[in-house]
PDB file of N, CA and C in Angstrom:
ATOM      1  N   MET A   1      94.666  63.571 123.801  1.00  0.00           N
ATOM      2  CA  MET A   1      95.588  63.922 124.851  1.00  0.00           C
ATOM      3  C   MET A   1      95.635  62.800 125.958  1.00  0.00           C
ATOM      4  N   PRO A   2      96.801  62.381 126.276  1.00  0.00           N
ATOM      5  CA  PRO A   2      96.929  61.343 127.311  1.00  0.00           C
ATOM      6  C   PRO A   2      96.574  61.822 128.697  1.00  0.00           C
ATOM      7  N   SER A   3      96.276  60.941 129.532  1.00  0.00           N
ATOM      8  CA  SER A   3      96.117  61.294 130.977  1.00  0.00           C
ATOM      9  C   SER A   3      97.403  61.230 131.668  1.00  0.00           C
ATOM     10  N   ILE A   4      97.760  62.236 132.311  1.00  0.00           N
ATOM     11  CA  ILE A   4      99.014  62.402 132.943  1.00  0.00           C
ATOM     12  C   ILE A   4      98.859  62.821 134.525  1.00  0.00           C
ATOM     13  N   GLU A   5      99.439  61.856 135.342  1.00  0.00           N
ATOM     14  CA  GLU A   5      99.322  62.170 136.821  1.00  0.00           C
ATOM     15  C   GLU A   5     100.732  62.293 137.240  1.00  0.00           C
ATOM     16  N   ILE A   6     100.963  63.290 138.184  1.00  0.00           N
ATOM     17  CA  ILE A   6     102.154  63.550 138.897  1.00  0.00           C
ATOM     18  C   ILE A   6     101.990  63.615 140.293  1.00  0.00           C
ATOM     19  N   TYR A   7     102.629  62.720 141.053  1.00  0.00           N
ATOM     20  CA  TYR A   7     102.755  62.875 142.560  1.00  0.00           C
ATOM     21  C   TYR A   7     103.804  63.797 142.935  1.00  0.00           C
ATOM     22  N   THR A   8     103.501  64.822 143.595  1.00  0.00           N
ATOM     23  CA  THR A   8     104.482  65.892 143.996  1.00  0.00           C
ATOM     24  C   THR A   8     104.384  66.379 145.489  1.00  0.00           C
ATOM     25  N   THR A   9     105.332  67.241 145.811  1.00  0.00           N
ATOM     26  CA  THR A   9     105.283  68.077 146.942  1.00  0.00           C
ATOM     27  C   THR A   9     105.487  69.543 146.449  1.00  0.00           C
ATOM     28  N   PRO A  10     104.973  70.423 147.243  1.00  0.00           N
ATOM     29  CA  PRO A  10     105.227  71.939 146.851  1.00  0.00           C
ATOM     30  C   PRO A  10     106.626  72.376 146.993  1.00  0.00           C
ATOM     31  N   ILE A  11     107.535  71.636 147.726  1.00  0.00           N
ATOM     32  CA  ILE A  11     108.737  72.187 148.065  1.00  0.00           C
ATOM     33  C   ILE A  11     109.940  71.422 147.156  1.00  0.00           C
ATOM     34  N   CYS A  12     109.394  70.644 146.167  1.00  0.00           N
ATOM     35  CA  CYS A  12     110.322  69.823 145.477  1.00  0.00           C
ATOM     36  C   CYS A  12     110.639  70.482 144.041  1.00  0.00           C
ATOM     37  N   GLY A  13     111.936  70.774 143.978  1.00  0.00           N
ATOM     38  CA  GLY A  13     112.389  71.383 142.653  1.00  0.00           C
ATOM     39  C   GLY A  13     112.346  70.506 141.488  1.00  0.00           C
ATOM     40  N   PHE A  14     112.557  69.229 141.641  1.00  0.00           N
ATOM     41  CA  PHE A  14     112.371  68.357 140.607  1.00  0.00           C
ATOM     42  C   PHE A  14     110.868  68.185 140.077  1.00  0.00           C
ATOM     43  N   CYS A  15     109.960  68.294 141.021  1.00  0.00           N
ATOM     44  CA  CYS A  15     108.509  68.387 140.683  1.00  0.00           C
ATOM     45  C   CYS A  15     108.209  69.526 139.869  1.00  0.00           C
ATOM     46  N   HIS A  16     108.778  70.673 140.340  1.00  0.00           N
ATOM     47  CA  HIS A  16     108.523  71.905 139.447  1.00  0.00           C
ATOM     48  C   HIS A  16     109.115  71.808 137.978  1.00  0.00           C
ATOM     49  N   ALA A  17     110.272  71.270 138.000  1.00  0.00           N
ATOM     50  CA  ALA A  17     110.964  71.032 136.656  1.00  0.00           C
ATOM     51  C   ALA A  17     110.156  70.169 135.712  1.00  0.00           C
ATOM     52  N   ALA A  18     109.621  69.093 136.277  1.00  0.00           N
ATOM     53  CA  ALA A  18     108.829  68.092 135.441  1.00  0.00           C
ATOM     54  C   ALA A  18     107.551  68.721 134.928  1.00  0.00           C
ATOM     55  N   LYS A  19     106.897  69.533 135.806  1.00  0.00           N
ATOM     56  CA  LYS A  19     105.630  70.246 135.573  1.00  0.00           C
ATOM     57  C   LYS A  19     105.928  71.338 134.444  1.00  0.00           C
ATOM     58  N   ARG A  20     107.090  72.047 134.550  1.00  0.00           N
ATOM     59  CA  ARG A  20     107.445  72.981 133.519  1.00  0.00           C
ATOM     60  C   ARG A  20     107.652  72.356 132.178  1.00  0.00           C
ATOM     61  N   LEU A  21     108.292  71.176 132.059  1.00  0.00           N
ATOM     62  CA  LEU A  21     108.484  70.548 130.768  1.00  0.00           C
ATOM     63  C   LEU A  21     107.158  70.147 130.215  1.00  0.00           C
ATOM     64  N   LEU A  22     106.381  69.581 130.950  1.00  0.00           N
ATOM     65  CA  LEU A  22     104.960  69.126 130.466  1.00  0.00           C
ATOM     66  C   LEU A  22     104.176  70.376 130.049  1.00  0.00           C
ATOM     67  N   THR A  23     104.155  71.462 130.814  1.00  0.00           N
ATOM     68  CA  THR A  23     103.408  72.521 130.458  1.00  0.00           C
ATOM     69  C   THR A  23     104.018  73.230 129.270  1.00  0.00           C
ATOM     70  N   ALA A  24     105.331  73.263 129.079  1.00  0.00           N
ATOM     71  CA  ALA A  24     105.978  73.752 127.877  1.00  0.00           C
ATOM     72  C   ALA A  24     105.629  73.088 126.652  1.00  0.00           C
ATOM     73  N   LYS A  25     105.215  71.739 126.741  1.00  0.00           N
ATOM     74  CA  LYS A  25     104.769  70.887 125.658  1.00  0.00           C
ATOM     75  C   LYS A  25     103.283  70.965 125.523  1.00  0.00           C
ATOM     76  N   GLY A  26     102.617  71.912 126.358  1.00  0.00           N
ATOM     77  CA  GLY A  26     101.172  72.177 126.087  1.00  0.00           C
ATOM     78  C   GLY A  26     100.278  71.040 126.739  1.00  0.00           C
ATOM     79  N   MET A  27     100.860  70.276 127.671  1.00  0.00           N
ATOM     80  CA  MET A  27     100.108  69.180 128.287  1.00  0.00           C
ATOM     81  C   MET A  27      99.558  69.679 129.611  1.00  0.00           C
ATOM     82  N   SER A  28      98.308  69.148 129.881  1.00  0.00           N
ATOM     83  CA  SER A  28      97.736  69.298 131.210  1.00  0.00           C
ATOM     84  C   SER A  28      97.917  68.015 131.994  1.00  0.00           C
ATOM     85  N   PHE A  29      97.892  68.160 133.221  1.00  0.00           N
ATOM     86  CA  PHE A  29      98.124  67.049 134.141  1.00  0.00           C
ATOM     87  C   PHE A  29      97.364  67.073 135.417  1.00  0.00           C
ATOM     88  N   THR A  30      97.220  66.038 136.167  1.00  0.00           N
ATOM     89  CA  THR A  30      96.590  66.032 137.375  1.00  0.00           C
ATOM     90  C   THR A  30      97.868  65.885 138.328  1.00  0.00           C
ATOM     91  N   GLU A  31      97.840  66.846 139.346  1.00  0.00           N
ATOM     92  CA  GLU A  31      98.807  66.908 140.333  1.00  0.00           C
ATOM     93  C   GLU A  31      98.304  66.369 141.630  1.00  0.00           C
ATOM     94  N   ILE A  32      99.046  65.467 142.259  1.00  0.00           N
ATOM     95  CA  ILE A  32      98.717  64.889 143.443  1.00  0.00           C
ATOM     96  C   ILE A  32      99.575  65.270 144.528  1.00  0.00           C
ATOM     97  N   ASP A  33      99.392  66.136 145.358  1.00  0.00           N
ATOM     98  CA  ASP A  33     100.254  66.600 146.557  1.00  0.00           C
ATOM     99  C   ASP A  33     100.222  65.614 147.619  1.00  0.00           C
ATOM    100  N   VAL A  34     101.355  64.814 147.791  1.00  0.00           N
ATOM    101  CA  VAL A  34     101.379  63.858 148.870  1.00  0.00           C
ATOM    102  C   VAL A  34     101.561  64.371 150.313  1.00  0.00           C
ATOM    103  N   ILE A  35     101.914  65.667 150.391  1.00  0.00           N
ATOM    104  CA  ILE A  35     102.055  66.328 151.655  1.00  0.00           C
ATOM    105  C   ILE A  35     100.532  66.801 152.187  1.00  0.00           C
ATOM    106  N   GLN A  36      99.746  67.319 151.152  1.00  0.00           N
ATOM    107  CA  GLN A  36      98.407  67.776 151.534  1.00  0.00           C
ATOM    108  C   GLN A  36      97.538  66.629 151.687  1.00  0.00           C
ATOM    109  N   ASP A  37      97.804  65.564 150.939  1.00  0.00           N
ATOM    110  CA  ASP A  37      96.878  64.312 150.957  1.00  0.00           C
ATOM    111  C   ASP A  37      97.889  63.170 151.350  1.00  0.00           C
ATOM    112  N   PRO A  38      98.275  62.967 152.544  1.00  0.00           N
ATOM    113  CA  PRO A  38      99.271  61.928 152.859  1.00  0.00           C
ATOM    114  C   PRO A  38      98.818  60.568 152.639  1.00  0.00           C
ATOM    115  N   GLY A  39      97.562  60.241 152.519  1.00  0.00           N
ATOM    116  CA  GLY A  39      97.046  58.888 152.284  1.00  0.00           C
ATOM    117  C   GLY A  39      97.459  58.406 150.809  1.00  0.00           C
ATOM    118  N   ARG A  40      97.702  59.480 149.945  1.00  0.00           N
ATOM    119  CA  ARG A  40      97.989  59.118 148.539  1.00  0.00           C
ATOM    120  C   ARG A  40      99.515  58.758 148.448  1.00  0.00           C
ATOM    121  N   LYS A  41     100.277  58.904 149.452  1.00  0.00           N
ATOM    122  CA  LYS A  41     101.777  58.456 149.341  1.00  0.00           C
ATOM    123  C   LYS A  41     101.906  56.930 149.217  1.00  0.00           C
ATOM    124  N   ALA A  42     101.118  56.262 150.064  1.00  0.00           N
ATOM    125  CA  ALA A  42     101.249  54.717 149.945  1.00  0.00           C
ATOM    126  C   ALA A  42     100.696  54.397 148.541  1.00  0.00           C
ATOM    127  N   GLU A  43      99.668  54.991 148.026  1.00  0.00           N
ATOM    128  CA  GLU A  43      99.193  54.619 146.605  1.00  0.00           C
ATOM    129  C   GLU A  43     100.342  54.936 145.693  1.00  0.00           C
ATOM    130  N   MET A  44     100.994  56.059 145.831  1.00  0.00           N
ATOM    131  CA  MET A  44     102.150  56.416 144.808  1.00  0.00           C
ATOM    132  C   MET A  44     103.227  55.286 144.945  1.00  0.00           C
ATOM    133  N   VAL A  45     103.616  54.935 146.145  1.00  0.00           N
ATOM    134  CA  VAL A  45     104.654  53.889 146.275  1.00  0.00           C
ATOM    135  C   VAL A  45     104.203  52.616 145.648  1.00  0.00           C
ATOM    136  N   GLN A  46     103.000  52.175 145.869  1.00  0.00           N
ATOM    137  CA  GLN A  46     102.466  50.946 145.177  1.00  0.00           C
ATOM    138  C   GLN A  46     102.519  51.058 143.638  1.00  0.00           C
ATOM    139  N   ARG A  47     101.975  52.139 143.213  1.00  0.00           N
ATOM    140  CA  ARG A  47     101.870  52.328 141.726  1.00  0.00           C
ATOM    141  C   ARG A  47     103.319  52.421 141.066  1.00  0.00           C
ATOM    142  N   ALA A  48     104.222  52.969 141.727  1.00  0.00           N
ATOM    143  CA  ALA A  48     105.593  53.268 141.324  1.00  0.00           C
ATOM    144  C   ALA A  48     106.580  52.132 141.628  1.00  0.00           C
ATOM    145  N   ASN A  49     105.997  50.973 141.981  1.00  0.00           N
ATOM    146  CA  ASN A  49     106.780  49.745 142.361  1.00  0.00           C
ATOM    147  C   ASN A  49     107.883  50.023 143.432  1.00  0.00           C
ATOM    148  N   GLY A  50     107.378  50.756 144.416  1.00  0.00           N
ATOM    149  CA  GLY A  50     108.413  51.060 145.541  1.00  0.00           C
ATOM    150  C   GLY A  50     108.887  52.426 145.486  1.00  0.00           C
ATOM    151  N   GLY A  51     108.895  53.140 144.465  1.00  0.00           N
ATOM    152  CA  GLY A  51     109.407  54.508 144.290  1.00  0.00           C
ATOM    153  C   GLY A  51     108.905  55.410 145.465  1.00  0.00           C
ATOM    154  N   ARG A  52     109.725  55.906 146.311  1.00  0.00           N
ATOM    155  CA  ARG A  52     109.241  56.730 147.382  1.00  0.00           C
ATOM    156  C   ARG A  52     109.484  58.245 147.180  1.00  0.00           C
ATOM    157  N   THR A  53     110.296  58.648 146.175  1.00  0.00           N
ATOM    158  CA  THR A  53     110.559  59.984 146.005  1.00  0.00           C
ATOM    159  C   THR A  53     109.650  60.689 145.007  1.00  0.00           C
ATOM    160  N   VAL A  54     109.478  61.932 145.132  1.00  0.00           N
ATOM    161  CA  VAL A  54     108.605  62.728 144.149  1.00  0.00           C
ATOM    162  C   VAL A  54     109.554  63.505 143.175  1.00  0.00           C
ATOM    163  N   PRO A  55     109.156  63.709 142.126  1.00  0.00           N
ATOM    164  CA  PRO A  55     107.892  63.369 141.523  1.00  0.00           C
ATOM    165  C   PRO A  55     107.899  61.869 140.965  1.00  0.00           C
ATOM    166  N   GLN A  56     106.694  61.280 141.015  1.00  0.00           N
ATOM    167  CA  GLN A  56     106.435  59.939 140.298  1.00  0.00           C
ATOM    168  C   GLN A  56     105.479  60.365 139.222  1.00  0.00           C
ATOM    169  N   ILE A  57     105.696  59.990 138.044  1.00  0.00           N
ATOM    170  CA  ILE A  57     104.923  60.461 136.823  1.00  0.00           C
ATOM    171  C   ILE A  57     104.340  59.269 136.164  1.00  0.00           C
ATOM    172  N   PHE A  58     103.144  59.388 135.692  1.00  0.00           N
ATOM    173  CA  PHE A  58     102.389  58.392 135.001  1.00  0.00           C
ATOM    174  C   PHE A  58     101.688  58.875 133.781  1.00  0.00           C
ATOM    175  N   ILE A  59     101.864  58.281 132.665  1.00  0.00           N
ATOM    176  CA  ILE A  59     101.259  58.708 131.390  1.00  0.00           C
ATOM    177  C   ILE A  59     100.326  57.579 130.921  1.00  0.00           C
ATOM    178  N   ASP A  60      99.170  57.854 130.852  1.00  0.00           N
ATOM    179  CA  ASP A  60      98.093  56.830 130.491  1.00  0.00           C
ATOM    180  C   ASP A  60      98.240  55.566 131.404  1.00  0.00           C
ATOM    181  N   GLY A  61      98.525  55.780 132.666  1.00  0.00           N
ATOM    182  CA  GLY A  61      98.652  54.780 133.676  1.00  0.00           C
ATOM    183  C   GLY A  61      99.992  54.031 133.685  1.00  0.00           C
ATOM    184  N   ALA A  62     100.810  54.386 132.701  1.00  0.00           N
ATOM    185  CA  ALA A  62     102.197  53.724 132.722  1.00  0.00           C
ATOM    186  C   ALA A  62     103.112  54.496 133.472  1.00  0.00           C
ATOM    187  N   HIS A  63     103.864  53.903 134.330  1.00  0.00           N
ATOM    188  CA  HIS A  63     104.812  54.452 135.228  1.00  0.00           C
ATOM    189  C   HIS A  63     106.101  55.025 134.353  1.00  0.00           C
ATOM    190  N   ILE A  64     106.303  56.313 134.324  1.00  0.00           N
ATOM    191  CA  ILE A  64     107.397  56.921 133.563  1.00  0.00           C
ATOM    192  C   ILE A  64     108.641  56.964 134.506  1.00  0.00           C
ATOM    193  N   GLY A  65     108.474  57.249 135.763  1.00  0.00           N
ATOM    194  CA  GLY A  65     109.595  57.430 136.746  1.00  0.00           C
ATOM    195  C   GLY A  65     109.435  58.885 137.191  1.00  0.00           C
ATOM    196  N   GLY A  66     110.738  59.327 137.543  1.00  0.00           N
ATOM    197  CA  GLY A  66     110.786  60.713 138.091  1.00  0.00           C
ATOM    198  C   GLY A  66     111.223  61.736 137.057  1.00  0.00           C
ATOM    199  N   CYS A  67     111.606  62.862 137.480  1.00  0.00           N
ATOM    200  CA  CYS A  67     111.950  63.920 136.601  1.00  0.00           C
ATOM    201  C   CYS A  67     113.079  63.644 135.713  1.00  0.00           C
ATOM    202  N   ASP A  68     114.106  62.988 136.185  1.00  0.00           N
ATOM    203  CA  ASP A  68     115.243  62.634 135.342  1.00  0.00           C
ATOM    204  C   ASP A  68     114.844  61.682 134.327  1.00  0.00           C
ATOM    205  N   ASP A  69     113.954  60.807 134.509  1.00  0.00           N
ATOM    206  CA  ASP A  69     113.343  59.859 133.644  1.00  0.00           C
ATOM    207  C   ASP A  69     112.697  60.591 132.569  1.00  0.00           C
ATOM    208  N   LEU A  70     111.837  61.637 132.953  1.00  0.00           N
ATOM    209  CA  LEU A  70     111.050  62.328 131.899  1.00  0.00           C
ATOM    210  C   LEU A  70     111.882  63.037 131.010  1.00  0.00           C
ATOM    211  N   TYR A  71     112.968  63.739 131.559  1.00  0.00           N
ATOM    212  CA  TYR A  71     113.777  64.494 130.696  1.00  0.00           C
ATOM    213  C   TYR A  71     114.644  63.626 129.794  1.00  0.00           C
ATOM    214  N   ALA A  72     115.023  62.445 130.326  1.00  0.00           N
ATOM    215  CA  ALA A  72     115.694  61.427 129.477  1.00  0.00           C
ATOM    216  C   ALA A  72     114.933  61.040 128.273  1.00  0.00           C
ATOM    217  N   LEU A  73     113.675  60.720 128.557  1.00  0.00           N
ATOM    218  CA  LEU A  73     112.751  60.352 127.466  1.00  0.00           C
ATOM    219  C   LEU A  73     112.616  61.512 126.390  1.00  0.00           C
ATOM    220  N   ASP A  74     112.628  62.755 126.890  1.00  0.00           N
ATOM    221  CA  ASP A  74     112.566  63.946 126.033  1.00  0.00           C
ATOM    222  C   ASP A  74     113.862  63.997 125.141  1.00  0.00           C
ATOM    223  N   ARG A  75     115.039  63.909 125.855  1.00  0.00           N
ATOM    224  CA  ARG A  75     116.275  63.850 125.036  1.00  0.00           C
ATOM    225  C   ARG A  75     116.353  62.803 124.014  1.00  0.00           C
ATOM    226  N   ALA A  76     115.826  61.707 124.315  1.00  0.00           N
ATOM    227  CA  ALA A  76     115.861  60.523 123.437  1.00  0.00           C
ATOM    228  C   ALA A  76     114.849  60.646 122.343  1.00  0.00           C
ATOM    229  N   GLY A  77     113.935  61.599 122.368  1.00  0.00           N
ATOM    230  CA  GLY A  77     112.930  61.702 121.203  1.00  0.00           C
ATOM    231  C   GLY A  77     111.764  60.834 121.476  1.00  0.00           C
ATOM    232  N   LYS A  78     111.605  60.364 122.804  1.00  0.00           N
ATOM    233  CA  LYS A  78     110.675  59.423 122.991  1.00  0.00           C
ATOM    234  C   LYS A  78     109.338  59.922 123.761  1.00  0.00           C
ATOM    235  N   LEU A  79     109.488  61.137 124.281  1.00  0.00           N
ATOM    236  CA  LEU A  79     108.428  61.659 125.119  1.00  0.00           C
ATOM    237  C   LEU A  79     107.304  62.195 124.190  1.00  0.00           C
ATOM    238  N   ASP A  80     107.624  62.914 123.201  1.00  0.00           N
ATOM    239  CA  ASP A  80     106.569  63.581 122.283  1.00  0.00           C
ATOM    240  C   ASP A  80     105.708  62.440 121.627  1.00  0.00           C
ATOM    241  N   PRO A  81     106.198  61.233 121.283  1.00  0.00           N
ATOM    242  CA  PRO A  81     105.282  60.229 120.782  1.00  0.00           C
ATOM    243  C   PRO A  81     104.293  59.707 121.963  1.00  0.00           C
ATOM    244  N   LEU A  82     104.872  59.651 123.154  1.00  0.00           N
ATOM    245  CA  LEU A  82     104.016  59.156 124.284  1.00  0.00           C
ATOM    246  C   LEU A  82     102.940  60.262 124.565  1.00  0.00           C
ATOM    247  N   LEU A  83     103.278  61.546 124.398  1.00  0.00           N
ATOM    248  CA  LEU A  83     102.355  62.589 124.700  1.00  0.00           C
ATOM    249  C   LEU A  83     101.249  62.713 123.479  1.00  0.00           C
ATOM    250  N   ALA A  84     101.629  62.278 122.415  1.00  0.00           N
ATOM    251  CA  ALA A  84     100.856  62.374 121.234  1.00  0.00           C
ATOM    252  C   ALA A  84      99.674  61.283 121.268  1.00  0.00           C
ATOM    253  N   GLY A  85      99.874  60.249 122.089  1.00  0.00           N
ATOM    254  CA  GLY A  85      98.943  59.171 122.265  1.00  0.00           C
ATOM    255  C   GLY A  85      99.267  58.183 121.280  1.00  0.00           C
TER     256      GLY A  85
END
């Protein structure tokens, strides 16, 4: 199972949608709340090549992007192979 990290905030609908998709696919993930741990926001921005919005999603260390990017990968049939390792 791949390592999945998601930078989120509790009030973000896109964060909830991304987590729902991954959960529906039976995946576990590490959630990093950038409101609860504000020091992690700078880390997120650096890892996401300047991406400041949440969610920012990483699979096995590779930056996937945000919620729309995750769903686009799924629609294109490219998400399941990533999740399979």
